[in-house]
Amino acid sequence: MSAMIKALSRQLDVRLPFSRPTLFVVALWACAFAAFVTLGLRR
């Protein structure tokens, strides 16, 4: 799992002009928050 995350972050580092691991973490948090909100709205 961590190897996949490292590979993904490496690809992002190659594509983006700056290397920001925090960007990946923020994206993860955004996905988790969106899932939480959608689950809350479904009730």
N, C-alpha and C. Protein backbone atom coordinates (compact mmCIF):
# COMPACT_ATOMS: atom_id res chain seq x y z
N MET A 1 0.84 -1.21 0.00
CA MET A 1 0.00 0.00 0.00
C MET A 1 0.87 1.25 0.00
N SER A 2 1.82 1.30 0.94
CA SER A 2 2.69 2.49 1.02
C SER A 2 3.55 2.60 -0.24
N ALA A 3 3.91 1.45 -0.81
CA ALA A 3 4.72 1.48 -2.05
C ALA A 3 3.92 2.13 -3.17
N MET A 4 2.62 1.80 -3.23
CA MET A 4 1.76 2.39 -4.27
C MET A 4 1.65 3.90 -4.07
N ILE A 5 1.50 4.31 -2.81
CA ILE A 5 1.40 5.74 -2.51
C ILE A 5 2.69 6.45 -2.89
N LYS A 6 3.83 5.80 -2.60
CA LYS A 6 5.12 6.42 -2.95
C LYS A 6 5.25 6.54 -4.46
N ALA A 7 4.81 5.51 -5.19
CA ALA A 7 4.90 5.56 -6.65
C ALA A 7 4.00 6.67 -7.19
N LEU A 8 2.79 6.79 -6.63
CA LEU A 8 1.87 7.84 -7.08
C LEU A 8 2.45 9.22 -6.79
N SER A 9 3.02 9.38 -5.61
CA SER A 9 3.59 10.69 -5.26
C SER A 9 4.78 10.99 -6.16
N ARG A 10 5.53 9.94 -6.55
CA ARG A 10 6.66 10.17 -7.46
C ARG A 10 6.15 10.64 -8.82
N GLN A 11 5.08 10.03 -9.30
CA GLN A 11 4.51 10.45 -10.59
C GLN A 11 4.03 11.90 -10.49
N LEU A 12 3.41 12.26 -9.36
CA LEU A 12 2.94 13.63 -9.17
C LEU A 12 4.13 14.59 -9.15
N ASP A 13 5.22 14.17 -8.49
CA ASP A 13 6.41 15.02 -8.43
C ASP A 13 6.96 15.26 -9.83
N VAL A 14 6.87 14.24 -10.69
CA VAL A 14 7.38 14.39 -12.06
C VAL A 14 6.48 15.33 -12.85
N ARG A 15 5.18 15.19 -12.67
CA ARG A 15 4.24 16.01 -13.46
C ARG A 15 4.20 17.45 -12.96
N LEU A 16 4.20 17.63 -11.66
CA LEU A 16 4.11 18.98 -11.11
C LEU A 16 5.50 19.60 -11.01
N PRO A 17 5.59 20.92 -11.19
CA PRO A 17 6.89 21.59 -11.08
C PRO A 17 7.42 21.61 -9.65
N PHE A 18 6.56 21.35 -8.68
CA PHE A 18 7.00 21.34 -7.29
C PHE A 18 6.60 20.02 -6.64
N SER A 19 7.41 19.55 -5.70
CA SER A 19 7.10 18.28 -5.02
C SER A 19 6.42 18.60 -3.70
N ARG A 20 5.16 18.25 -3.60
CA ARG A 20 4.40 18.55 -2.37
C ARG A 20 3.68 17.30 -1.89
N PRO A 21 4.26 16.58 -0.93
CA PRO A 21 3.55 15.44 -0.34
C PRO A 21 2.27 15.89 0.35
N THR A 22 2.25 17.12 0.84
CA THR A 22 1.07 17.62 1.54
C THR A 22 -0.11 17.71 0.58
N LEU A 23 0.17 17.96 -0.71
CA LEU A 23 -0.91 18.03 -1.70
C LEU A 23 -1.65 16.69 -1.75
N PHE A 24 -0.88 15.58 -1.69
CA PHE A 24 -1.50 14.25 -1.72
C PHE A 24 -2.33 14.03 -0.47
N VAL A 25 -1.81 14.46 0.67
CA VAL A 25 -2.55 14.30 1.93
C VAL A 25 -3.84 15.11 1.91
N VAL A 26 -3.75 16.33 1.39
CA VAL A 26 -4.95 17.18 1.31
C VAL A 26 -5.99 16.55 0.39
N ALA A 27 -5.53 15.96 -0.71
CA ALA A 27 -6.47 15.30 -1.64
C ALA A 27 -7.15 14.13 -0.93
N LEU A 28 -6.37 13.37 -0.15
CA LEU A 28 -6.95 12.24 0.60
C LEU A 28 -8.01 12.75 1.57
N TRP A 29 -7.68 13.81 2.31
CA TRP A 29 -8.64 14.36 3.28
C TRP A 29 -9.89 14.87 2.57
N ALA A 30 -9.72 15.48 1.40
CA ALA A 30 -10.87 15.99 0.65
C ALA A 30 -11.78 14.84 0.23
N CYS A 31 -11.18 13.73 -0.23
CA CYS A 31 -11.98 12.56 -0.63
C CYS A 31 -12.71 12.00 0.57
N ALA A 32 -12.03 11.90 1.71
CA ALA A 32 -12.65 11.34 2.91
C ALA A 32 -13.80 12.25 3.36
N PHE A 33 -13.59 13.56 3.31
CA PHE A 33 -14.63 14.50 3.73
C PHE A 33 -15.84 14.42 2.80
N ALA A 34 -15.57 14.31 1.49
CA ALA A 34 -16.67 14.21 0.52
C ALA A 34 -17.47 12.94 0.76
N ALA A 35 -16.78 11.83 1.03
CA ALA A 35 -17.48 10.56 1.29
C ALA A 35 -18.31 10.69 2.56
N PHE A 36 -17.75 11.32 3.59
CA PHE A 36 -18.47 11.50 4.86
C PHE A 36 -19.73 12.35 4.65
N VAL A 37 -19.60 13.42 3.87
CA VAL A 37 -20.75 14.31 3.63
C VAL A 37 -21.83 13.57 2.84
N THR A 38 -21.43 12.83 1.81
CA THR A 38 -22.43 12.11 1.00
C THR A 38 -23.13 11.06 1.85
N LEU A 39 -22.39 10.38 2.71
CA LEU A 39 -23.01 9.38 3.58
C LEU A 39 -23.98 10.06 4.55
N GLY A 40 -23.61 11.23 5.05
CA GLY A 40 -24.47 11.94 5.98
C GLY A 40 -25.74 12.44 5.29
N LEU A 41 -25.63 12.84 4.03
CA LEU A 41 -26.80 13.35 3.30
C LEU A 41 -27.74 12.22 2.91
N ARG A 42 -27.21 11.00 2.79
CA ARG A 42 -28.06 9.88 2.37
C ARG A 42 -29.05 9.50 3.45
N ARG A 43 -28.74 9.77 4.71
CA ARG A 43 -29.62 9.32 5.80
C ARG A 43 -30.97 10.00 5.74
